[in-house]
Amino acid sequence: MTKSFLVNTFPTISPLVFANEYRETTPTRESVKVVIYGSKTGVNNTILTLYKLGFAQVNEWSPLLPSPNPGEVMSILTRHILTM
């Protein structure tokens, strides 16, 4: 008589348990904002430095916007990251 060695070698997973585990490990997206405040020259130089370091493309930053502080501008970068 031959015997099958593959029978019952795979554990069975309850669909309910699997669904709960899947939800717990499914990443979600979150928005993260990076803001630079300063003079026009300072903000532009920082954006270029971050570009050279590989942090973000220059065109990913917002145009220079007025800052709440007089004489300053700001630029905003929004990134979407995966969280668990």
PDB file of N, CA and C in Angstrom:
ATOM      1  N   MET A   1       0.847  -1.168   0.000  1.00  0.00           N
ATOM      2  CA  MET A   1       0.000   0.000   0.000  1.00  0.00           C
ATOM      3  C   MET A   1       0.896   1.235   0.000  1.00  0.00           C
ATOM      4  N   THR A   2       0.576   2.210  -0.851  1.00  0.00           N
ATOM      5  CA  THR A   2       1.360   3.447  -0.895  1.00  0.00           C
ATOM      6  C   THR A   2       0.769   4.466   0.055  1.00  0.00           C
ATOM      7  N   LYS A   3       1.638   5.260   0.559  1.00  0.00           N
ATOM      8  CA  LYS A   3       1.209   6.278   1.506  1.00  0.00           C
ATOM      9  C   LYS A   3       1.567   7.648   0.947  1.00  0.00           C
ATOM     10  N   SER A   4       0.662   8.583   1.012  1.00  0.00           N
ATOM     11  CA  SER A   4       0.919   9.936   0.528  1.00  0.00           C
ATOM     12  C   SER A   4       1.521  10.759   1.665  1.00  0.00           C
ATOM     13  N   PHE A   5       2.662  11.368   1.395  1.00  0.00           N
ATOM     14  CA  PHE A   5       3.307  12.198   2.405  1.00  0.00           C
ATOM     15  C   PHE A   5       2.874  13.657   2.331  1.00  0.00           C
ATOM     16  N   LEU A   6       2.062  14.006   1.377  1.00  0.00           N
ATOM     17  CA  LEU A   6       1.628  15.387   1.218  1.00  0.00           C
ATOM     18  C   LEU A   6       0.294  15.690   1.885  1.00  0.00           C
ATOM     19  N   VAL A   7      -0.358  14.697   2.379  1.00  0.00           N
ATOM     20  CA  VAL A   7      -1.655  14.897   3.005  1.00  0.00           C
ATOM     21  C   VAL A   7      -1.458  15.644   4.324  1.00  0.00           C
ATOM     22  N   ASN A   8      -2.278  16.679   4.538  1.00  0.00           N
ATOM     23  CA  ASN A   8      -2.277  17.454   5.775  1.00  0.00           C
ATOM     24  C   ASN A   8      -0.942  18.128   6.088  1.00  0.00           C
ATOM     25  N   THR A   9      -0.167  18.454   5.071  1.00  0.00           N
ATOM     26  CA  THR A   9       1.103  19.150   5.335  1.00  0.00           C
ATOM     27  C   THR A   9       0.928  20.659   5.356  1.00  0.00           C
ATOM     28  N   PHE A  10      -0.174  21.154   4.826  1.00  0.00           N
ATOM     29  CA  PHE A  10      -0.426  22.586   4.825  1.00  0.00           C
ATOM     30  C   PHE A  10      -1.409  22.924   5.934  1.00  0.00           C
ATOM     31  N   PRO A  11      -1.032  23.849   6.804  1.00  0.00           N
ATOM     32  CA  PRO A  11      -1.969  24.205   7.877  1.00  0.00           C
ATOM     33  C   PRO A  11      -3.195  24.904   7.310  1.00  0.00           C
ATOM     34  N   THR A  12      -4.319  24.634   7.908  1.00  0.00           N
ATOM     35  CA  THR A  12      -5.537  25.302   7.472  1.00  0.00           C
ATOM     36  C   THR A  12      -5.694  26.587   8.271  1.00  0.00           C
ATOM     37  N   ILE A  13      -6.113  27.625   7.592  1.00  0.00           N
ATOM     38  CA  ILE A  13      -6.290  28.927   8.226  1.00  0.00           C
ATOM     39  C   ILE A  13      -7.760  29.289   8.159  1.00  0.00           C
ATOM     40  N   SER A  14      -8.287  29.613   9.277  1.00  0.00           N
ATOM     41  CA  SER A  14      -9.676  30.032   9.318  1.00  0.00           C
ATOM     42  C   SER A  14      -9.819  31.331   8.531  1.00  0.00           C
ATOM     43  N   PRO A  15     -10.809  31.470   7.657  1.00  0.00           N
ATOM     44  CA  PRO A  15     -10.982  32.712   6.901  1.00  0.00           C
ATOM     45  C   PRO A  15     -11.137  33.931   7.801  1.00  0.00           C
ATOM     46  N   LEU A  16     -11.767  33.763   8.941  1.00  0.00           N
ATOM     47  CA  LEU A  16     -11.961  34.883   9.848  1.00  0.00           C
ATOM     48  C   LEU A  16     -10.622  35.342  10.416  1.00  0.00           C
ATOM     49  N   VAL A  17      -9.785  34.408  10.826  1.00  0.00           N
ATOM     50  CA  VAL A  17      -8.468  34.757  11.367  1.00  0.00           C
ATOM     51  C   VAL A  17      -7.625  35.399  10.280  1.00  0.00           C
ATOM     52  N   PHE A  18      -7.648  34.839   9.080  1.00  0.00           N
ATOM     53  CA  PHE A  18      -6.861  35.385   7.986  1.00  0.00           C
ATOM     54  C   PHE A  18      -7.287  36.812   7.663  1.00  0.00           C
ATOM     55  N   ALA A  19      -8.573  37.056   7.644  1.00  0.00           N
ATOM     56  CA  ALA A  19      -9.064  38.403   7.335  1.00  0.00           C
ATOM     57  C   ALA A  19      -8.594  39.400   8.388  1.00  0.00           C
ATOM     58  N   ASN A  20      -8.630  39.034   9.664  1.00  0.00           N
ATOM     59  CA  ASN A  20      -8.168  39.928  10.716  1.00  0.00           C
ATOM     60  C   ASN A  20      -6.671  40.184  10.614  1.00  0.00           C
ATOM     61  N   GLU A  21      -5.889  39.138  10.350  1.00  0.00           N
ATOM     62  CA  GLU A  21      -4.447  39.307  10.205  1.00  0.00           C
ATOM     63  C   GLU A  21      -4.137  40.201   9.015  1.00  0.00           C
ATOM     64  N   TYR A  22      -4.878  40.050   7.938  1.00  0.00           N
ATOM     65  CA  TYR A  22      -4.642  40.855   6.739  1.00  0.00           C
ATOM     66  C   TYR A  22      -4.892  42.322   7.023  1.00  0.00           C
ATOM     67  N   ARG A  23      -5.971  42.628   7.719  1.00  0.00           N
ATOM     68  CA  ARG A  23      -6.274  44.022   8.044  1.00  0.00           C
ATOM     69  C   ARG A  23      -5.193  44.645   8.913  1.00  0.00           C
ATOM     70  N   GLU A  24      -4.665  43.865   9.839  1.00  0.00           N
ATOM     71  CA  GLU A  24      -3.649  44.380  10.748  1.00  0.00           C
ATOM     72  C   GLU A  24      -2.342  44.680  10.032  1.00  0.00           C
ATOM     73  N   THR A  25      -2.035  43.956   8.961  1.00  0.00           N
ATOM     74  CA  THR A  25      -0.759  44.143   8.278  1.00  0.00           C
ATOM     75  C   THR A  25      -0.887  44.936   6.991  1.00  0.00           C
ATOM     76  N   THR A  26      -2.081  45.356   6.636  1.00  0.00           N
ATOM     77  CA  THR A  26      -2.262  46.142   5.429  1.00  0.00           C
ATOM     78  C   THR A  26      -1.811  47.583   5.701  1.00  0.00           C
ATOM     79  N   PRO A  27      -0.830  48.068   4.950  1.00  0.00           N
ATOM     80  CA  PRO A  27      -0.368  49.430   5.198  1.00  0.00           C
ATOM     81  C   PRO A  27      -1.407  50.463   4.772  1.00  0.00           C
ATOM     82  N   THR A  28      -1.394  51.585   5.442  1.00  0.00           N
ATOM     83  CA  THR A  28      -2.264  52.691   5.072  1.00  0.00           C
ATOM     84  C   THR A  28      -1.380  53.874   4.696  1.00  0.00           C
ATOM     85  N   ARG A  29      -1.956  54.803   3.974  1.00  0.00           N
ATOM     86  CA  ARG A  29      -1.203  55.987   3.543  1.00  0.00           C
ATOM     87  C   ARG A  29      -1.455  57.135   4.498  1.00  0.00           C
ATOM     88  N   GLU A  30      -0.408  57.877   4.746  1.00  0.00           N
ATOM     89  CA  GLU A  30      -0.487  59.041   5.616  1.00  0.00           C
ATOM     90  C   GLU A  30       0.246  60.191   4.937  1.00  0.00           C
ATOM     91  N   SER A  31      -0.310  61.383   5.012  1.00  0.00           N
ATOM     92  CA  SER A  31       0.358  62.562   4.464  1.00  0.00           C
ATOM     93  C   SER A  31       1.282  63.169   5.513  1.00  0.00           C
ATOM     94  N   VAL A  32       2.496  63.454   5.085  1.00  0.00           N
ATOM     95  CA  VAL A  32       3.479  64.112   5.943  1.00  0.00           C
ATOM     96  C   VAL A  32       3.943  65.358   5.211  1.00  0.00           C
ATOM     97  N   LYS A  33       3.957  66.485   5.912  1.00  0.00           N
ATOM     98  CA  LYS A  33       4.358  67.746   5.293  1.00  0.00           C
ATOM     99  C   LYS A  33       5.687  68.217   5.873  1.00  0.00           C
ATOM    100  N   VAL A  34       6.568  68.684   4.981  1.00  0.00           N
ATOM    101  CA  VAL A  34       7.845  69.276   5.373  1.00  0.00           C
ATOM    102  C   VAL A  34       7.767  70.736   4.954  1.00  0.00           C
ATOM    103  N   VAL A  35       8.023  71.647   5.880  1.00  0.00           N
ATOM    104  CA  VAL A  35       7.900  73.083   5.603  1.00  0.00           C
ATOM    105  C   VAL A  35       9.250  73.749   5.857  1.00  0.00           C
ATOM    106  N   ILE A  36       9.642  74.602   4.930  1.00  0.00           N
ATOM    107  CA  ILE A  36      10.860  75.403   5.088  1.00  0.00           C
ATOM    108  C   ILE A  36      10.445  76.862   5.186  1.00  0.00           C
ATOM    109  N   TYR A  37      10.892  77.538   6.238  1.00  0.00           N
ATOM    110  CA  TYR A  37      10.649  78.966   6.432  1.00  0.00           C
ATOM    111  C   TYR A  37      11.976  79.700   6.307  1.00  0.00           C
ATOM    112  N   GLY A  38      11.942  80.898   5.733  1.00  0.00           N
ATOM    113  CA  GLY A  38      13.150  81.717   5.690  1.00  0.00           C
ATOM    114  C   GLY A  38      13.063  82.759   4.590  1.00  0.00           C
ATOM    115  N   SER A  39      14.224  83.339   4.278  1.00  0.00           N
ATOM    116  CA  SER A  39      14.278  84.302   3.179  1.00  0.00           C
ATOM    117  C   SER A  39      14.106  83.544   1.865  1.00  0.00           C
ATOM    118  N   LYS A  40      13.819  84.275   0.788  1.00  0.00           N
ATOM    119  CA  LYS A  40      13.673  83.611  -0.523  1.00  0.00           C
ATOM    120  C   LYS A  40      14.940  82.855  -0.883  1.00  0.00           C
ATOM    121  N   THR A  41      16.086  83.485  -0.669  1.00  0.00           N
ATOM    122  CA  THR A  41      17.362  82.843  -0.994  1.00  0.00           C
ATOM    123  C   THR A  41      17.592  81.616  -0.117  1.00  0.00           C
ATOM    124  N   GLY A  42      17.314  81.744   1.161  1.00  0.00           N
ATOM    125  CA  GLY A  42      17.515  80.623   2.078  1.00  0.00           C
ATOM    126  C   GLY A  42      16.636  79.426   1.757  1.00  0.00           C
ATOM    127  N   VAL A  43      15.382  79.686   1.462  1.00  0.00           N
ATOM    128  CA  VAL A  43      14.449  78.593   1.136  1.00  0.00           C
ATOM    129  C   VAL A  43      14.858  77.931  -0.175  1.00  0.00           C
ATOM    130  N   ASN A  44      15.158  78.732  -1.191  1.00  0.00           N
ATOM    131  CA  ASN A  44      15.572  78.166  -2.485  1.00  0.00           C
ATOM    132  C   ASN A  44      16.865  77.359  -2.352  1.00  0.00           C
ATOM    133  N   ASN A  45      17.839  77.870  -1.597  1.00  0.00           N
ATOM    134  CA  ASN A  45      19.102  77.147  -1.408  1.00  0.00           C
ATOM    135  C   ASN A  45      18.881  75.828  -0.668  1.00  0.00           C
ATOM    136  N   THR A  46      18.001  75.840   0.306  1.00  0.00           N
ATOM    137  CA  THR A  46      17.703  74.614   1.052  1.00  0.00           C
ATOM    138  C   THR A  46      17.026  73.581   0.161  1.00  0.00           C
ATOM    139  N   ILE A  47      16.090  74.018  -0.672  1.00  0.00           N
ATOM    140  CA  ILE A  47      15.422  73.102  -1.611  1.00  0.00           C
ATOM    141  C   ILE A  47      16.445  72.492  -2.566  1.00  0.00           C
ATOM    142  N   LEU A  48      17.377  73.300  -3.071  1.00  0.00           N
ATOM    143  CA  LEU A  48      18.412  72.784  -3.981  1.00  0.00           C
ATOM    144  C   LEU A  48      19.355  71.819  -3.256  1.00  0.00           C
ATOM    145  N   THR A  49      19.705  72.129  -2.025  1.00  0.00           N
ATOM    146  CA  THR A  49      20.568  71.233  -1.246  1.00  0.00           C
ATOM    147  C   THR A  49      19.874  69.895  -1.008  1.00  0.00           C
ATOM    148  N   LEU A  50      18.597  69.937  -0.629  1.00  0.00           N
ATOM    149  CA  LEU A  50      17.851  68.697  -0.409  1.00  0.00           C
ATOM    150  C   LEU A  50      17.717  67.890  -1.697  1.00  0.00           C
ATOM    151  N   TYR A  51      17.599  68.585  -2.836  1.00  0.00           N
ATOM    152  CA  TYR A  51      17.564  67.908  -4.133  1.00  0.00           C
ATOM    153  C   TYR A  51      18.891  67.191  -4.388  1.00  0.00           C
ATOM    154  N   LYS A  52      19.997  67.877  -4.140  1.00  0.00           N
ATOM    155  CA  LYS A  52      21.323  67.278  -4.363  1.00  0.00           C
ATOM    156  C   LYS A  52      21.552  66.072  -3.452  1.00  0.00           C
ATOM    157  N   LEU A  53      20.944  66.085  -2.286  1.00  0.00           N
ATOM    158  CA  LEU A  53      21.062  64.962  -1.355  1.00  0.00           C
ATOM    159  C   LEU A  53      20.095  63.820  -1.686  1.00  0.00           C
ATOM    160  N   GLY A  54      19.233  64.025  -2.700  1.00  0.00           N
ATOM    161  CA  GLY A  54      18.291  62.995  -3.118  1.00  0.00           C
ATOM    162  C   GLY A  54      17.019  62.949  -2.286  1.00  0.00           C
ATOM    163  N   PHE A  55      16.744  64.002  -1.539  1.00  0.00           N
ATOM    164  CA  PHE A  55      15.568  64.009  -0.673  1.00  0.00           C
ATOM    165  C   PHE A  55      14.278  64.225  -1.450  1.00  0.00           C
ATOM    166  N   ALA A  56      14.276  65.179  -2.385  1.00  0.00           N
ATOM    167  CA  ALA A  56      13.061  65.481  -3.152  1.00  0.00           C
ATOM    168  C   ALA A  56      13.436  66.244  -4.414  1.00  0.00           C
ATOM    169  N   GLN A  57      12.626  66.086  -5.437  1.00  0.00           N
ATOM    170  CA  GLN A  57      12.795  66.869  -6.657  1.00  0.00           C
ATOM    171  C   GLN A  57      12.394  68.319  -6.384  1.00  0.00           C
ATOM    172  N   VAL A  58      13.007  69.240  -7.081  1.00  0.00           N
ATOM    173  CA  VAL A  58      12.711  70.661  -6.883  1.00  0.00           C
ATOM    174  C   VAL A  58      11.241  70.955  -7.171  1.00  0.00           C
ATOM    175  N   ASN A  59      10.688  70.328  -8.218  1.00  0.00           N
ATOM    176  CA  ASN A  59       9.302  70.617  -8.598  1.00  0.00           C
ATOM    177  C   ASN A  59       8.264  69.980  -7.671  1.00  0.00           C
ATOM    178  N   GLU A  60       8.685  69.202  -6.678  1.00  0.00           N
ATOM    179  CA  GLU A  60       7.754  68.622  -5.714  1.00  0.00           C
ATOM    180  C   GLU A  60       7.386  69.624  -4.615  1.00  0.00           C
ATOM    181  N   TRP A  61       8.170  70.671  -4.470  1.00  0.00           N
ATOM    182  CA  TRP A  61       7.907  71.703  -3.462  1.00  0.00           C
ATOM    183  C   TRP A  61       6.870  72.688  -3.987  1.00  0.00           C
ATOM    184  N   SER A  62       6.127  73.275  -3.090  1.00  0.00           N
ATOM    185  CA  SER A  62       5.158  74.302  -3.498  1.00  0.00           C
ATOM    186  C   SER A  62       5.915  75.546  -3.944  1.00  0.00           C
ATOM    187  N   PRO A  63       5.246  76.412  -4.699  1.00  0.00           N
ATOM    188  CA  PRO A  63       5.866  77.708  -4.986  1.00  0.00           C
ATOM    189  C   PRO A  63       6.091  78.450  -3.663  1.00  0.00           C
ATOM    190  N   LEU A  64       6.973  79.436  -3.687  1.00  0.00           N
ATOM    191  CA  LEU A  64       7.209  80.217  -2.469  1.00  0.00           C
ATOM    192  C   LEU A  64       5.918  80.918  -2.069  1.00  0.00           C
ATOM    193  N   LEU A  65       5.556  80.755  -0.813  1.00  0.00           N
ATOM    194  CA  LEU A  65       4.321  81.313  -0.269  1.00  0.00           C
ATOM    195  C   LEU A  65       4.667  82.306   0.836  1.00  0.00           C
ATOM    196  N   PRO A  66       3.811  83.296   1.065  1.00  0.00           N
ATOM    197  CA  PRO A  66       4.070  84.203   2.181  1.00  0.00           C
ATOM    198  C   PRO A  66       3.994  83.439   3.500  1.00  0.00           C
ATOM    199  N   SER A  67       4.906  83.763   4.384  1.00  0.00           N
ATOM    200  CA  SER A  67       4.943  83.135   5.708  1.00  0.00           C
ATOM    201  C   SER A  67       4.136  83.978   6.679  1.00  0.00           C
ATOM    202  N   PRO A  68       3.693  83.396   7.787  1.00  0.00           N
ATOM    203  CA  PRO A  68       3.022  84.207   8.809  1.00  0.00           C
ATOM    204  C   PRO A  68       3.964  85.247   9.429  1.00  0.00           C
ATOM    205  N   ASN A  69       5.285  85.017   9.292  1.00  0.00           N
ATOM    206  CA  ASN A  69       6.267  85.961   9.819  1.00  0.00           C
ATOM    207  C   ASN A  69       6.631  86.999   8.762  1.00  0.00           C
ATOM    208  N   PRO A  70       6.591  88.275   9.090  1.00  0.00           N
ATOM    209  CA  PRO A  70       6.924  89.315   8.109  1.00  0.00           C
ATOM    210  C   PRO A  70       8.339  89.140   7.552  1.00  0.00           C
ATOM    211  N   GLY A  71       8.468  89.328   6.248  1.00  0.00           N
ATOM    212  CA  GLY A  71       9.769  89.237   5.593  1.00  0.00           C
ATOM    213  C   GLY A  71      10.228  87.824   5.300  1.00  0.00           C
ATOM    214  N   GLU A  72       9.414  86.832   5.587  1.00  0.00           N
ATOM    215  CA  GLU A  72       9.771  85.441   5.323  1.00  0.00           C
ATOM    216  C   GLU A  72       8.826  84.829   4.301  1.00  0.00           C
ATOM    217  N   VAL A  73       9.325  83.772   3.639  1.00  0.00           N
ATOM    218  CA  VAL A  73       8.492  82.956   2.750  1.00  0.00           C
ATOM    219  C   VAL A  73       8.579  81.520   3.247  1.00  0.00           C
ATOM    220  N   MET A  74       7.756  80.679   2.666  1.00  0.00           N
ATOM    221  CA  MET A  74       7.798  79.260   3.006  1.00  0.00           C
ATOM    222  C   MET A  74       7.506  78.426   1.771  1.00  0.00           C
ATOM    223  N   SER A  75       7.922  77.182   1.825  1.00  0.00           N
ATOM    224  CA  SER A  75       7.612  76.223   0.776  1.00  0.00           C
ATOM    225  C   SER A  75       7.282  74.904   1.466  1.00  0.00           C
ATOM    226  N   ILE A  76       6.326  74.183   0.903  1.00  0.00           N
ATOM    227  CA  ILE A  76       5.812  72.967   1.528  1.00  0.00           C
ATOM    228  C   ILE A  76       6.003  71.781   0.583  1.00  0.00           C
ATOM    229  N   LEU A  77       6.474  70.684   1.157  1.00  0.00           N
ATOM    230  CA  LEU A  77       6.586  69.417   0.440  1.00  0.00           C
ATOM    231  C   LEU A  77       5.647  68.432   1.131  1.00  0.00           C
ATOM    232  N   THR A  78       4.781  67.794   0.371  1.00  0.00           N
ATOM    233  CA  THR A  78       3.881  66.783   0.930  1.00  0.00           C
ATOM    234  C   THR A  78       4.309  65.426   0.417  1.00  0.00           C
ATOM    235  N   ARG A  79       4.532  64.503   1.343  1.00  0.00           N
ATOM    236  CA  ARG A  79       4.873  63.133   0.995  1.00  0.00           C
ATOM    237  C   ARG A  79       3.788  62.220   1.515  1.00  0.00           C
ATOM    238  N   HIS A  80       3.534  61.160   0.790  1.00  0.00           N
ATOM    239  CA  HIS A  80       2.577  60.143   1.216  1.00  0.00           C
ATOM    240  C   HIS A  80       3.394  58.905   1.575  1.00  0.00           C
ATOM    241  N   ILE A  81       3.313  58.513   2.845  1.00  0.00           N
ATOM    242  CA  ILE A  81       4.095  57.380   3.318  1.00  0.00           C
ATOM    243  C   ILE A  81       3.156  56.254   3.719  1.00  0.00           C
ATOM    244  N   LEU A  82       3.689  55.053   3.711  1.00  0.00           N
ATOM    245  CA  LEU A  82       2.920  53.893   4.135  1.00  0.00           C
ATOM    246  C   LEU A  82       3.162  53.675   5.618  1.00  0.00           C
ATOM    247  N   THR A  83       2.091  53.456   6.372  1.00  0.00           N
ATOM    248  CA  THR A  83       2.211  53.176   7.789  1.00  0.00           C
ATOM    249  C   THR A  83       1.557  51.833   8.063  1.00  0.00           C
ATOM    250  N   MET A  84       1.899  51.244   9.137  1.00  0.00           N
ATOM    251  CA  MET A  84       1.318  49.954   9.516  1.00  0.00           C
ATOM    252  C   MET A  84       0.361  50.161  10.645  1.00  0.00           C
TER     253      MET A  84
END
